[in-house]
N, C-alpha and C. Protein backbone atom coordinates (compact mmCIF):
# COMPACT_ATOMS: atom_id res chain seq x y z
N MET A 1 0.84 -1.19 0.00
CA MET A 1 0.00 0.00 0.00
C MET A 1 0.88 1.25 0.00
N PRO A 2 0.70 2.15 -0.96
CA PRO A 2 1.54 3.36 -1.03
C PRO A 2 1.46 4.17 0.27
N GLY A 3 2.63 4.61 0.70
CA GLY A 3 2.69 5.48 1.87
C GLY A 3 2.72 4.77 3.20
N ILE A 4 2.68 3.42 3.20
CA ILE A 4 2.64 2.66 4.45
C ILE A 4 3.83 1.71 4.53
N ASP A 5 4.55 1.76 5.63
CA ASP A 5 5.62 0.81 5.92
C ASP A 5 5.03 -0.25 6.84
N TRP A 6 4.60 -1.39 6.25
CA TRP A 6 3.91 -2.40 7.03
C TRP A 6 4.78 -3.03 8.09
N ARG A 7 6.07 -3.18 7.81
CA ARG A 7 6.96 -3.76 8.82
C ARG A 7 6.98 -2.89 10.07
N ARG A 8 7.11 -1.59 9.86
CA ARG A 8 7.12 -0.67 11.00
C ARG A 8 5.76 -0.68 11.72
N ALA A 9 4.69 -0.70 10.93
CA ALA A 9 3.35 -0.69 11.52
C ALA A 9 3.12 -1.94 12.37
N LEU A 10 3.54 -3.10 11.87
CA LEU A 10 3.37 -4.34 12.63
C LEU A 10 4.25 -4.36 13.86
N ASP A 11 5.44 -3.80 13.75
CA ASP A 11 6.33 -3.71 14.92
C ASP A 11 5.67 -2.89 16.02
N ASN A 12 4.95 -1.85 15.62
CA ASN A 12 4.30 -0.97 16.61
C ASN A 12 3.19 -1.67 17.38
N VAL A 13 2.67 -2.77 16.83
CA VAL A 13 1.59 -3.51 17.51
C VAL A 13 2.04 -4.93 17.84
N ASP A 14 3.35 -5.10 17.98
CA ASP A 14 3.92 -6.40 18.36
C ASP A 14 3.53 -7.51 17.39
N GLY A 15 3.41 -7.16 16.12
CA GLY A 15 3.13 -8.15 15.09
C GLY A 15 1.72 -8.66 15.05
N GLN A 16 0.81 -8.03 15.78
CA GLN A 16 -0.57 -8.50 15.84
C GLN A 16 -1.40 -7.78 14.77
N ARG A 17 -1.72 -8.51 13.72
CA ARG A 17 -2.44 -7.90 12.58
C ARG A 17 -3.80 -7.35 12.99
N LEU A 18 -4.51 -8.07 13.86
CA LEU A 18 -5.84 -7.61 14.27
C LEU A 18 -5.76 -6.25 14.93
N ARG A 19 -4.75 -6.05 15.78
CA ARG A 19 -4.56 -4.75 16.42
C ARG A 19 -4.28 -3.67 15.38
N LEU A 20 -3.50 -4.03 14.35
CA LEU A 20 -3.20 -3.06 13.30
C LEU A 20 -4.46 -2.70 12.52
N GLU A 21 -5.31 -3.69 12.25
CA GLU A 21 -6.56 -3.40 11.54
C GLU A 21 -7.44 -2.47 12.36
N LYS A 22 -7.50 -2.70 13.68
CA LYS A 22 -8.29 -1.83 14.54
C LYS A 22 -7.69 -0.43 14.58
N ARG A 23 -6.36 -0.35 14.63
CA ARG A 23 -5.70 0.95 14.63
C ARG A 23 -5.96 1.68 13.32
N ALA A 24 -5.98 0.96 12.22
CA ALA A 24 -6.28 1.57 10.92
C ALA A 24 -7.67 2.19 10.93
N GLY A 25 -8.64 1.45 11.48
CA GLY A 25 -10.00 1.98 11.56
C GLY A 25 -10.07 3.21 12.43
N SER A 26 -9.36 3.20 13.54
CA SER A 26 -9.35 4.36 14.44
C SER A 26 -8.73 5.57 13.77
N PHE A 27 -7.65 5.34 13.03
CA PHE A 27 -6.98 6.45 12.34
C PHE A 27 -7.91 7.09 11.31
N VAL A 28 -8.62 6.25 10.56
CA VAL A 28 -9.53 6.77 9.54
C VAL A 28 -10.66 7.57 10.18
N ARG A 29 -11.20 7.06 11.29
CA ARG A 29 -12.28 7.78 11.97
C ARG A 29 -11.80 9.11 12.54
N GLU A 30 -10.60 9.12 13.09
CA GLU A 30 -10.09 10.32 13.75
C GLU A 30 -9.60 11.37 12.77
N TYR A 31 -8.99 10.93 11.67
CA TYR A 31 -8.36 11.88 10.76
C TYR A 31 -8.99 11.91 9.36
N GLY A 32 -10.16 11.31 9.22
CA GLY A 32 -10.81 11.32 7.92
C GLY A 32 -11.11 12.72 7.41
N SER A 33 -11.33 13.65 8.33
CA SER A 33 -11.63 15.03 7.93
C SER A 33 -10.39 15.91 7.88
N ALA A 34 -9.21 15.33 8.16
CA ALA A 34 -7.98 16.13 8.20
C ALA A 34 -7.69 16.87 6.90
N PRO A 35 -7.81 16.25 5.72
CA PRO A 35 -7.55 17.00 4.49
C PRO A 35 -8.44 18.24 4.36
N HIS A 36 -9.73 18.08 4.68
CA HIS A 36 -10.65 19.22 4.61
C HIS A 36 -10.25 20.30 5.61
N LEU A 37 -9.90 19.90 6.81
CA LEU A 37 -9.52 20.87 7.83
C LEU A 37 -8.22 21.58 7.46
N LEU A 38 -7.29 20.85 6.90
CA LEU A 38 -6.01 21.46 6.50
C LEU A 38 -6.23 22.50 5.41
N ARG A 39 -7.05 22.15 4.43
CA ARG A 39 -7.34 23.12 3.36
C ARG A 39 -8.02 24.37 3.92
N GLY A 40 -9.00 24.15 4.81
CA GLY A 40 -9.70 25.29 5.39
C GLY A 40 -8.78 26.16 6.21
N ALA A 41 -7.89 25.57 6.98
CA ALA A 41 -6.95 26.34 7.80
C ALA A 41 -5.97 27.10 6.92
N LEU A 42 -5.55 26.49 5.83
CA LEU A 42 -4.63 27.17 4.91
C LEU A 42 -5.32 28.37 4.27
N ASN A 43 -6.54 28.18 3.78
CA ASN A 43 -7.27 29.27 3.14
C ASN A 43 -7.59 30.40 4.12
N GLY A 44 -7.80 30.02 5.38
CA GLY A 44 -8.13 31.03 6.39
C GLY A 44 -6.93 31.59 7.10
N GLY A 45 -5.74 31.13 6.75
CA GLY A 45 -4.53 31.62 7.41
C GLY A 45 -4.47 31.26 8.88
N ASP A 46 -5.10 30.16 9.26
CA ASP A 46 -5.13 29.75 10.66
C ASP A 46 -3.91 28.87 10.96
N HIS A 47 -2.80 29.54 11.29
CA HIS A 47 -1.56 28.82 11.52
C HIS A 47 -1.60 27.97 12.79
N ALA A 48 -2.37 28.42 13.77
CA ALA A 48 -2.47 27.66 15.02
C ALA A 48 -3.13 26.30 14.77
N LEU A 49 -4.20 26.31 13.97
CA LEU A 49 -4.89 25.05 13.65
C LEU A 49 -4.00 24.16 12.80
N LEU A 50 -3.29 24.75 11.85
CA LEU A 50 -2.37 23.97 11.03
C LEU A 50 -1.31 23.29 11.88
N GLN A 51 -0.79 24.04 12.83
CA GLN A 51 0.25 23.47 13.70
C GLN A 51 -0.30 22.34 14.56
N SER A 52 -1.51 22.52 15.07
CA SER A 52 -2.12 21.50 15.91
C SER A 52 -2.39 20.23 15.09
N LEU A 53 -2.94 20.39 13.89
CA LEU A 53 -3.21 19.24 13.04
C LEU A 53 -1.93 18.52 12.66
N ALA A 54 -0.90 19.30 12.31
CA ALA A 54 0.37 18.70 11.92
C ALA A 54 0.99 17.93 13.08
N HIS A 55 0.91 18.49 14.27
CA HIS A 55 1.47 17.83 15.46
C HIS A 55 0.79 16.48 15.72
N ASN A 56 -0.54 16.46 15.64
CA ASN A 56 -1.28 15.22 15.91
C ASN A 56 -1.05 14.18 14.81
N LEU A 57 -1.03 14.64 13.57
CA LEU A 57 -0.81 13.72 12.46
C LEU A 57 0.59 13.10 12.52
N LYS A 58 1.56 13.88 12.95
CA LYS A 58 2.94 13.40 12.97
C LYS A 58 3.08 12.11 13.78
N SER A 59 2.55 12.11 14.98
CA SER A 59 2.70 10.94 15.84
C SER A 59 1.75 9.81 15.45
N SER A 60 0.51 10.14 15.14
CA SER A 60 -0.47 9.10 14.81
C SER A 60 -0.13 8.40 13.50
N ALA A 61 0.35 9.16 12.52
CA ALA A 61 0.71 8.56 11.24
C ALA A 61 1.90 7.62 11.40
N ALA A 62 2.85 8.00 12.23
CA ALA A 62 4.01 7.13 12.45
C ALA A 62 3.58 5.81 13.07
N TYR A 63 2.59 5.85 13.93
CA TYR A 63 2.15 4.65 14.62
C TYR A 63 1.55 3.63 13.66
N VAL A 64 0.88 4.09 12.61
CA VAL A 64 0.29 3.15 11.64
C VAL A 64 1.23 2.91 10.46
N GLY A 65 2.48 3.35 10.58
CA GLY A 65 3.46 3.08 9.53
C GLY A 65 3.43 4.04 8.37
N ALA A 66 2.68 5.14 8.48
CA ALA A 66 2.62 6.13 7.40
C ALA A 66 3.76 7.13 7.60
N LEU A 67 4.97 6.68 7.31
CA LEU A 67 6.16 7.48 7.63
C LEU A 67 6.29 8.73 6.77
N GLU A 68 5.90 8.63 5.50
CA GLU A 68 5.97 9.82 4.64
C GLU A 68 5.01 10.90 5.13
N LEU A 69 3.81 10.47 5.50
CA LEU A 69 2.83 11.41 6.04
C LEU A 69 3.33 12.01 7.34
N SER A 70 3.88 11.18 8.20
CA SER A 70 4.42 11.67 9.47
C SER A 70 5.53 12.68 9.24
N GLY A 71 6.41 12.39 8.28
CA GLY A 71 7.50 13.31 7.98
C GLY A 71 7.01 14.65 7.45
N ALA A 72 6.02 14.60 6.56
CA ALA A 72 5.46 15.84 6.01
C ALA A 72 4.81 16.67 7.10
N ALA A 73 4.09 15.99 8.00
CA ALA A 73 3.46 16.71 9.11
C ALA A 73 4.50 17.30 10.04
N GLY A 74 5.58 16.56 10.29
CA GLY A 74 6.65 17.06 11.16
C GLY A 74 7.34 18.29 10.58
N ARG A 75 7.57 18.28 9.28
CA ARG A 75 8.21 19.44 8.66
C ARG A 75 7.33 20.68 8.74
N LEU A 76 6.03 20.47 8.50
CA LEU A 76 5.11 21.61 8.58
C LEU A 76 5.06 22.14 10.01
N GLU A 77 4.99 21.26 10.98
CA GLU A 77 4.95 21.70 12.37
C GLU A 77 6.22 22.46 12.74
N HIS A 78 7.36 21.96 12.31
CA HIS A 78 8.64 22.61 12.63
C HIS A 78 8.69 24.02 12.07
N ASP A 79 8.30 24.18 10.81
CA ASP A 79 8.36 25.50 10.18
C ASP A 79 7.37 26.47 10.81
N LEU A 80 6.19 25.96 11.17
CA LEU A 80 5.21 26.84 11.80
C LEU A 80 5.69 27.30 13.18
N ARG A 81 6.31 26.39 13.92
CA ARG A 81 6.84 26.77 15.23
C ARG A 81 7.94 27.81 15.10
N ALA A 82 8.69 27.71 14.00
CA ALA A 82 9.79 28.65 13.77
C ALA A 82 9.33 29.93 13.10
N GLY A 83 8.04 30.02 12.81
CA GLY A 83 7.51 31.22 12.16
C GLY A 83 7.86 31.33 10.69
N LYS A 84 8.21 30.22 10.07
CA LYS A 84 8.56 30.22 8.65
C LYS A 84 7.29 29.95 7.84
N TYR A 85 6.55 31.00 7.57
CA TYR A 85 5.25 30.84 6.93
C TYR A 85 5.32 30.87 5.40
N ASP A 86 6.49 31.16 4.86
CA ASP A 86 6.59 31.33 3.41
C ASP A 86 6.41 30.01 2.66
N GLN A 87 6.67 28.86 3.34
CA GLN A 87 6.56 27.57 2.67
C GLN A 87 5.22 26.86 2.93
N VAL A 88 4.38 27.48 3.74
CA VAL A 88 3.13 26.82 4.12
C VAL A 88 2.26 26.52 2.91
N GLY A 89 2.22 27.43 1.96
CA GLY A 89 1.38 27.25 0.77
C GLY A 89 1.79 26.05 -0.07
N VAL A 90 3.03 25.62 0.07
CA VAL A 90 3.51 24.44 -0.65
C VAL A 90 3.40 23.19 0.22
N GLN A 91 3.72 23.35 1.51
CA GLN A 91 3.73 22.19 2.40
C GLN A 91 2.35 21.61 2.67
N VAL A 92 1.37 22.50 2.85
CA VAL A 92 0.03 22.00 3.20
C VAL A 92 -0.57 21.16 2.07
N PRO A 93 -0.54 21.60 0.80
CA PRO A 93 -1.07 20.74 -0.27
C PRO A 93 -0.37 19.39 -0.34
N SER A 94 0.94 19.37 -0.09
CA SER A 94 1.67 18.10 -0.09
C SER A 94 1.22 17.21 1.06
N LEU A 95 1.00 17.85 2.20
CA LEU A 95 0.52 17.09 3.37
C LEU A 95 -0.88 16.55 3.12
N VAL A 96 -1.72 17.35 2.50
CA VAL A 96 -3.09 16.91 2.18
C VAL A 96 -3.06 15.71 1.25
N ALA A 97 -2.21 15.78 0.22
CA ALA A 97 -2.11 14.67 -0.74
C ALA A 97 -1.64 13.39 -0.04
N ALA A 98 -0.65 13.54 0.83
CA ALA A 98 -0.14 12.37 1.57
C ALA A 98 -1.21 11.80 2.48
N ALA A 99 -1.96 12.66 3.13
CA ALA A 99 -3.02 12.21 4.04
C ALA A 99 -4.12 11.49 3.28
N GLU A 100 -4.51 12.02 2.13
CA GLU A 100 -5.57 11.39 1.35
C GLU A 100 -5.14 10.00 0.86
N LEU A 101 -3.88 9.87 0.47
CA LEU A 101 -3.37 8.59 0.00
C LEU A 101 -3.42 7.55 1.12
N VAL A 102 -2.95 7.94 2.29
CA VAL A 102 -2.91 7.02 3.42
C VAL A 102 -4.32 6.68 3.89
N LEU A 103 -5.19 7.69 3.97
CA LEU A 103 -6.55 7.45 4.44
C LEU A 103 -7.30 6.50 3.52
N ALA A 104 -7.11 6.64 2.22
CA ALA A 104 -7.78 5.75 1.27
C ALA A 104 -7.33 4.31 1.47
N GLY A 105 -6.02 4.13 1.65
CA GLY A 105 -5.50 2.79 1.85
C GLY A 105 -5.95 2.17 3.15
N LEU A 106 -5.89 2.94 4.23
CA LEU A 106 -6.28 2.41 5.54
C LEU A 106 -7.78 2.16 5.61
N ALA A 107 -8.57 2.97 4.91
CA ALA A 107 -10.02 2.74 4.88
C ALA A 107 -10.31 1.39 4.25
N GLY A 108 -9.57 1.05 3.19
CA GLY A 108 -9.74 -0.24 2.55
C GLY A 108 -9.36 -1.38 3.47
N LEU A 109 -8.27 -1.21 4.22
CA LEU A 109 -7.84 -2.23 5.17
C LEU A 109 -8.87 -2.41 6.27
N ALA A 110 -9.37 -1.29 6.81
CA ALA A 110 -10.34 -1.37 7.90
C ALA A 110 -11.63 -2.03 7.42
N ALA A 111 -12.05 -1.72 6.18
CA ALA A 111 -13.28 -2.32 5.65
C ALA A 111 -13.10 -3.81 5.43
N ALA A 112 -11.92 -4.20 4.95
CA ALA A 112 -11.66 -5.63 4.71
C ALA A 112 -11.62 -6.41 6.00
N ALA A 113 -11.29 -5.74 7.10
CA ALA A 113 -11.20 -6.42 8.39
C ALA A 113 -12.57 -6.70 8.99
N LEU A 114 -13.57 -6.01 8.52
CA LEU A 114 -14.91 -6.20 9.08
C LEU A 114 -15.56 -7.45 8.52
N PRO A 115 -16.31 -8.18 9.32
CA PRO A 115 -17.02 -9.34 8.80
C PRO A 115 -18.10 -8.89 7.83
N PRO A 116 -18.38 -9.67 6.79
CA PRO A 116 -19.41 -9.28 5.82
C PRO A 116 -20.78 -9.24 6.48
N ALA A 117 -21.62 -8.37 5.96
CA ALA A 117 -22.99 -8.27 6.49
C ALA A 117 -23.75 -9.55 6.18
N LEU A 118 -24.57 -9.98 7.13
CA LEU A 118 -25.35 -11.20 6.94
C LEU A 118 -26.53 -10.93 6.01
N ASP A 119 -26.81 -11.88 5.13
CA ASP A 119 -27.92 -11.77 4.19
C ASP A 119 -29.09 -12.58 4.75
N PRO A 120 -30.13 -11.92 5.28
CA PRO A 120 -31.25 -12.65 5.92
C PRO A 120 -31.93 -13.63 4.99
N ARG A 121 -32.10 -13.26 3.73
CA ARG A 121 -32.81 -14.16 2.81
C ARG A 121 -31.99 -15.40 2.53
N ALA A 122 -30.68 -15.21 2.31
CA ALA A 122 -29.82 -16.36 2.05
C ALA A 122 -29.75 -17.26 3.29
N LEU A 123 -29.67 -16.64 4.46
CA LEU A 123 -29.63 -17.41 5.70
C LEU A 123 -30.91 -18.23 5.87
N ALA A 124 -32.05 -17.58 5.63
CA ALA A 124 -33.33 -18.27 5.80
C ALA A 124 -33.42 -19.47 4.86
N GLU A 125 -32.99 -19.31 3.62
CA GLU A 125 -33.07 -20.41 2.65
C GLU A 125 -32.21 -21.59 3.08
N VAL A 126 -30.97 -21.31 3.52
CA VAL A 126 -30.06 -22.38 3.90
C VAL A 126 -30.52 -23.05 5.19
N VAL A 127 -30.98 -22.26 6.15
CA VAL A 127 -31.45 -22.83 7.42
C VAL A 127 -32.65 -23.73 7.17
N GLN A 128 -33.58 -23.30 6.33
CA GLN A 128 -34.76 -24.12 6.02
C GLN A 128 -34.35 -25.42 5.34
N ARG A 129 -33.38 -25.32 4.44
CA ARG A 129 -32.93 -26.52 3.73
C ARG A 129 -32.22 -27.48 4.69
N LEU A 130 -31.39 -26.93 5.55
CA LEU A 130 -30.70 -27.76 6.54
C LEU A 130 -31.70 -28.43 7.47
N ASP A 131 -32.70 -27.68 7.90
CA ASP A 131 -33.75 -28.23 8.76
C ASP A 131 -34.44 -29.41 8.09
N ALA A 132 -34.78 -29.25 6.80
CA ALA A 132 -35.47 -30.32 6.08
C ALA A 132 -34.58 -31.55 5.94
N CYS A 133 -33.31 -31.34 5.66
CA CYS A 133 -32.38 -32.46 5.52
C CYS A 133 -32.22 -33.21 6.84
N LEU A 134 -32.14 -32.46 7.93
CA LEU A 134 -31.99 -33.09 9.24
C LEU A 134 -33.20 -33.95 9.56
N ARG A 135 -34.39 -33.44 9.28
CA ARG A 135 -35.62 -34.18 9.57
C ARG A 135 -35.76 -35.43 8.71
N ALA A 136 -35.18 -35.36 7.50
CA ALA A 136 -35.29 -36.49 6.58
C ALA A 136 -34.11 -37.45 6.72
N ASP A 137 -33.23 -37.20 7.69
CA ASP A 137 -32.02 -38.03 7.85
C ASP A 137 -31.25 -38.12 6.54
N ASP A 138 -31.19 -36.99 5.86
CA ASP A 138 -30.54 -36.92 4.55
C ASP A 138 -29.11 -36.43 4.73
N ALA A 139 -28.14 -37.15 4.16
CA ALA A 139 -26.73 -36.81 4.30
C ALA A 139 -26.39 -35.46 3.67
N ARG A 140 -27.31 -34.95 2.83
CA ARG A 140 -27.05 -33.63 2.26
C ARG A 140 -27.11 -32.53 3.32
N ALA A 141 -27.47 -32.90 4.54
CA ALA A 141 -27.41 -31.95 5.65
C ALA A 141 -26.00 -31.40 5.81
N GLU A 142 -24.99 -32.23 5.50
CA GLU A 142 -23.60 -31.79 5.63
C GLU A 142 -23.30 -30.66 4.64
N ASP A 143 -23.84 -30.77 3.42
CA ASP A 143 -23.62 -29.71 2.43
C ASP A 143 -24.32 -28.43 2.85
N ALA A 144 -25.54 -28.56 3.35
CA ALA A 144 -26.28 -27.37 3.80
C ALA A 144 -25.58 -26.72 4.98
N LEU A 145 -25.04 -27.55 5.88
CA LEU A 145 -24.32 -27.01 7.03
C LEU A 145 -23.08 -26.26 6.58
N ALA A 146 -22.37 -26.79 5.60
CA ALA A 146 -21.18 -26.12 5.08
C ALA A 146 -21.55 -24.75 4.50
N GLU A 147 -22.69 -24.67 3.81
CA GLU A 147 -23.14 -23.39 3.26
C GLU A 147 -23.45 -22.40 4.38
N LEU A 148 -24.11 -22.90 5.43
CA LEU A 148 -24.46 -22.03 6.55
C LEU A 148 -23.20 -21.55 7.26
N GLU A 149 -22.22 -22.42 7.40
CA GLU A 149 -20.95 -22.02 8.02
C GLU A 149 -20.29 -20.91 7.22
N ALA A 150 -20.33 -21.02 5.90
CA ALA A 150 -19.73 -20.00 5.05
C ALA A 150 -20.45 -18.66 5.20
N LEU A 151 -21.78 -18.69 5.30
CA LEU A 151 -22.55 -17.46 5.45
C LEU A 151 -22.28 -16.78 6.79
N LEU A 152 -22.04 -17.59 7.82
CA LEU A 152 -21.85 -17.02 9.17
C LEU A 152 -20.39 -16.79 9.52
N ALA A 153 -19.48 -17.15 8.63
CA ALA A 153 -18.05 -17.02 8.92
C ALA A 153 -17.69 -15.58 9.30
N GLY A 154 -16.99 -15.42 10.40
CA GLY A 154 -16.56 -14.11 10.84
C GLY A 154 -17.59 -13.33 11.61
N SER A 155 -18.82 -13.85 11.72
CA SER A 155 -19.88 -13.14 12.43
C SER A 155 -19.92 -13.58 13.89
N ALA A 156 -20.71 -12.85 14.68
CA ALA A 156 -20.83 -13.18 16.09
C ALA A 156 -21.58 -14.49 16.31
N HIS A 157 -22.25 -15.00 15.26
CA HIS A 157 -23.05 -16.22 15.39
C HIS A 157 -22.29 -17.47 14.95
N ALA A 158 -21.07 -17.32 14.48
CA ALA A 158 -20.34 -18.47 13.96
C ALA A 158 -20.18 -19.55 15.03
N ALA A 159 -19.90 -19.13 16.26
CA ALA A 159 -19.70 -20.11 17.34
C ALA A 159 -20.99 -20.84 17.71
N ASP A 160 -22.15 -20.22 17.41
CA ASP A 160 -23.42 -20.85 17.74
C ASP A 160 -23.69 -22.11 16.92
N LEU A 161 -22.91 -22.30 15.86
CA LEU A 161 -23.10 -23.47 15.00
C LEU A 161 -22.46 -24.73 15.59
N GLU A 162 -21.63 -24.58 16.62
CA GLU A 162 -20.87 -25.73 17.12
C GLU A 162 -21.76 -26.90 17.52
N PRO A 163 -22.87 -26.70 18.27
CA PRO A 163 -23.71 -27.85 18.62
C PRO A 163 -24.30 -28.53 17.40
N VAL A 164 -24.66 -27.75 16.39
CA VAL A 164 -25.21 -28.33 15.15
C VAL A 164 -24.12 -29.13 14.45
N ARG A 165 -22.94 -28.53 14.36
CA ARG A 165 -21.82 -29.18 13.69
C ARG A 165 -21.47 -30.51 14.39
N ARG A 166 -21.48 -30.49 15.70
CA ARG A 166 -21.13 -31.70 16.45
C ARG A 166 -22.15 -32.81 16.21
N ALA A 167 -23.43 -32.46 16.24
CA ALA A 167 -24.47 -33.46 16.03
C ALA A 167 -24.43 -34.03 14.63
N VAL A 168 -24.23 -33.17 13.64
CA VAL A 168 -24.15 -33.64 12.26
C VAL A 168 -22.92 -34.52 12.07
N GLY A 169 -21.82 -34.13 12.70
CA GLY A 169 -20.60 -34.94 12.61
C GLY A 169 -20.79 -36.33 13.19
N ASP A 170 -21.63 -36.43 14.20
CA ASP A 170 -21.92 -37.73 14.83
C ASP A 170 -23.07 -38.46 14.13
N ILE A 171 -23.57 -37.86 13.04
CA ILE A 171 -24.72 -38.39 12.29
C ILE A 171 -25.93 -38.54 13.20
N GLU A 172 -26.05 -37.66 14.14
CA GLU A 172 -27.23 -37.58 15.01
C GLU A 172 -28.06 -36.39 14.53
N TYR A 173 -28.65 -36.56 13.36
CA TYR A 173 -29.29 -35.43 12.69
C TYR A 173 -30.41 -34.80 13.51
N HIS A 174 -31.22 -35.62 14.14
CA HIS A 174 -32.34 -35.07 14.89
C HIS A 174 -31.87 -34.30 16.12
N ALA A 175 -30.70 -34.66 16.64
CA ALA A 175 -30.14 -33.93 17.78
C ALA A 175 -29.71 -32.53 17.39
N ALA A 176 -29.54 -32.28 16.09
CA ALA A 176 -29.12 -30.96 15.62
C ALA A 176 -30.30 -30.01 15.45
N LEU A 177 -31.52 -30.53 15.52
CA LEU A 177 -32.69 -29.69 15.26
C LEU A 177 -32.88 -28.60 16.30
N ALA A 178 -32.75 -28.95 17.58
CA ALA A 178 -32.96 -27.95 18.64
C ALA A 178 -31.94 -26.83 18.59
N PRO A 179 -30.62 -27.12 18.50
CA PRO A 179 -29.67 -26.00 18.40
C PRO A 179 -29.82 -25.20 17.12
N LEU A 180 -30.27 -25.85 16.04
CA LEU A 180 -30.51 -25.10 14.80
C LEU A 180 -31.69 -24.15 14.98
N ALA A 181 -32.74 -24.62 15.66
CA ALA A 181 -33.90 -23.76 15.91
C ALA A 181 -33.51 -22.59 16.81
N ALA A 182 -32.65 -22.86 17.81
CA ALA A 182 -32.20 -21.79 18.70
C ALA A 182 -31.38 -20.77 17.92
N LEU A 183 -30.55 -21.24 17.00
CA LEU A 183 -29.76 -20.34 16.18
C LEU A 183 -30.67 -19.49 15.29
N ALA A 184 -31.70 -20.12 14.72
CA ALA A 184 -32.64 -19.38 13.89
C ALA A 184 -33.29 -18.24 14.68
N LEU A 185 -33.61 -18.52 15.93
CA LEU A 185 -34.19 -17.47 16.79
C LEU A 185 -33.21 -16.32 16.96
N ARG A 186 -31.95 -16.65 17.24
CA ARG A 186 -30.95 -15.60 17.46
C ARG A 186 -30.71 -14.79 16.19
N LEU A 187 -30.88 -15.44 15.05
CA LEU A 187 -30.71 -14.73 13.79
C LEU A 187 -31.95 -13.93 13.41
N GLY A 188 -33.04 -14.12 14.16
CA GLY A 188 -34.26 -13.38 13.88
C GLY A 188 -35.03 -13.92 12.70
N LEU A 189 -34.79 -15.20 12.34
CA LEU A 189 -35.45 -15.75 11.15
C LEU A 189 -36.86 -16.21 11.45
N GLN A 190 -37.07 -16.78 12.66
CA GLN A 190 -38.40 -17.26 13.04
C GLN A 190 -38.63 -16.88 14.49
N PRO A 191 -39.09 -15.64 14.75
CA PRO A 191 -39.24 -15.18 16.13
C PRO A 191 -40.11 -16.07 16.99
N GLY A 192 -41.10 -16.80 16.41
CA GLY A 192 -42.00 -17.61 17.22
C GLY A 192 -41.55 -19.04 17.42
N LEU A 193 -40.37 -19.39 16.94
CA LEU A 193 -39.92 -20.77 17.00
C LEU A 193 -39.56 -21.16 18.43
N GLN A 194 -39.99 -22.32 18.83
CA GLN A 194 -39.66 -22.86 20.15
C GLN A 194 -38.70 -24.03 19.98
N PRO A 195 -37.40 -23.85 20.29
CA PRO A 195 -36.41 -24.90 20.04
C PRO A 195 -36.78 -26.22 20.69
N GLY A 196 -37.34 -26.20 21.88
CA GLY A 196 -37.64 -27.45 22.57
C GLY A 196 -38.69 -28.28 21.84
N LEU A 197 -39.60 -27.62 21.12
CA LEU A 197 -40.67 -28.35 20.42
C LEU A 197 -40.24 -28.83 19.05
N GLN A 198 -39.19 -28.21 18.49
CA GLN A 198 -38.63 -28.58 17.21
C GLN A 198 -39.67 -28.62 16.09
N PRO A 199 -40.48 -27.56 15.91
CA PRO A 199 -41.42 -27.56 14.79
C PRO A 199 -40.67 -27.24 13.50
N PRO A 200 -41.29 -27.46 12.35
CA PRO A 200 -40.64 -27.11 11.09
C PRO A 200 -40.35 -25.62 11.05
N LEU A 201 -39.24 -25.24 10.43
CA LEU A 201 -38.90 -23.83 10.34
C LEU A 201 -39.83 -23.11 9.37
N SER A 202 -40.35 -23.84 8.41
CA SER A 202 -41.21 -23.22 7.42
C SER A 202 -42.04 -24.32 6.76
N THR A 203 -43.19 -23.95 6.27
CA THR A 203 -44.01 -24.93 5.57
C THR A 203 -43.72 -24.94 4.08
N ALA A 204 -42.89 -23.99 3.64
CA ALA A 204 -42.56 -23.93 2.22
C ALA A 204 -41.05 -23.90 2.06
N GLY A 205 -40.59 -24.31 0.91
CA GLY A 205 -39.18 -24.23 0.60
C GLY A 205 -38.34 -25.17 1.45
N ARG A 206 -38.92 -26.33 1.90
CA ARG A 206 -38.20 -27.21 2.80
C ARG A 206 -37.66 -28.44 2.09
N SER A 207 -37.66 -28.42 0.76
CA SER A 207 -37.11 -29.56 0.05
C SER A 207 -35.62 -29.66 0.31
N CYS A 208 -35.14 -30.87 0.60
CA CYS A 208 -33.73 -31.05 0.94
C CYS A 208 -32.90 -31.23 -0.34
């Protein structure tokens, strides 16, 4: 990614990628408006705001491995502290360009780190099919379970599949019905479902 030294960034978080992804998201949220603010401060001749923004960007950018951005911010801060205002008109646009480059890259990283949004319709279709296969003692329950695992991967509900997975693995298909019904409730697919009674999830679309 242009403008990012990943080795330095990972060193700053002890090599923990998840921490780096979270830091990337925090940086984007905190400094997403920095280019706009820098331009406004430059146009308004607000040297105090420019200095404050440059100071904050210098340290935060270094932490996420954006060394070029950190260096540009440091140079601007140094010149402003020294009262050297003649270069501000050149330095600020360069700093803005560096910030926009880094923000775009980190926004992509932060977005990629998020689990995909769950598709209620796709979930409902797979859950209904899995339910039908389980009731019919059909081995295709394993295929439906694999599809459901893929849909829930990375979500807060992925761990809820473990009882279903265990029962299917033991070929105890009917034992998987109650935890599947409970999962459906948590997913909001069938609010009236009672796991203990194990009723059909739907009267339609239940072909295995």
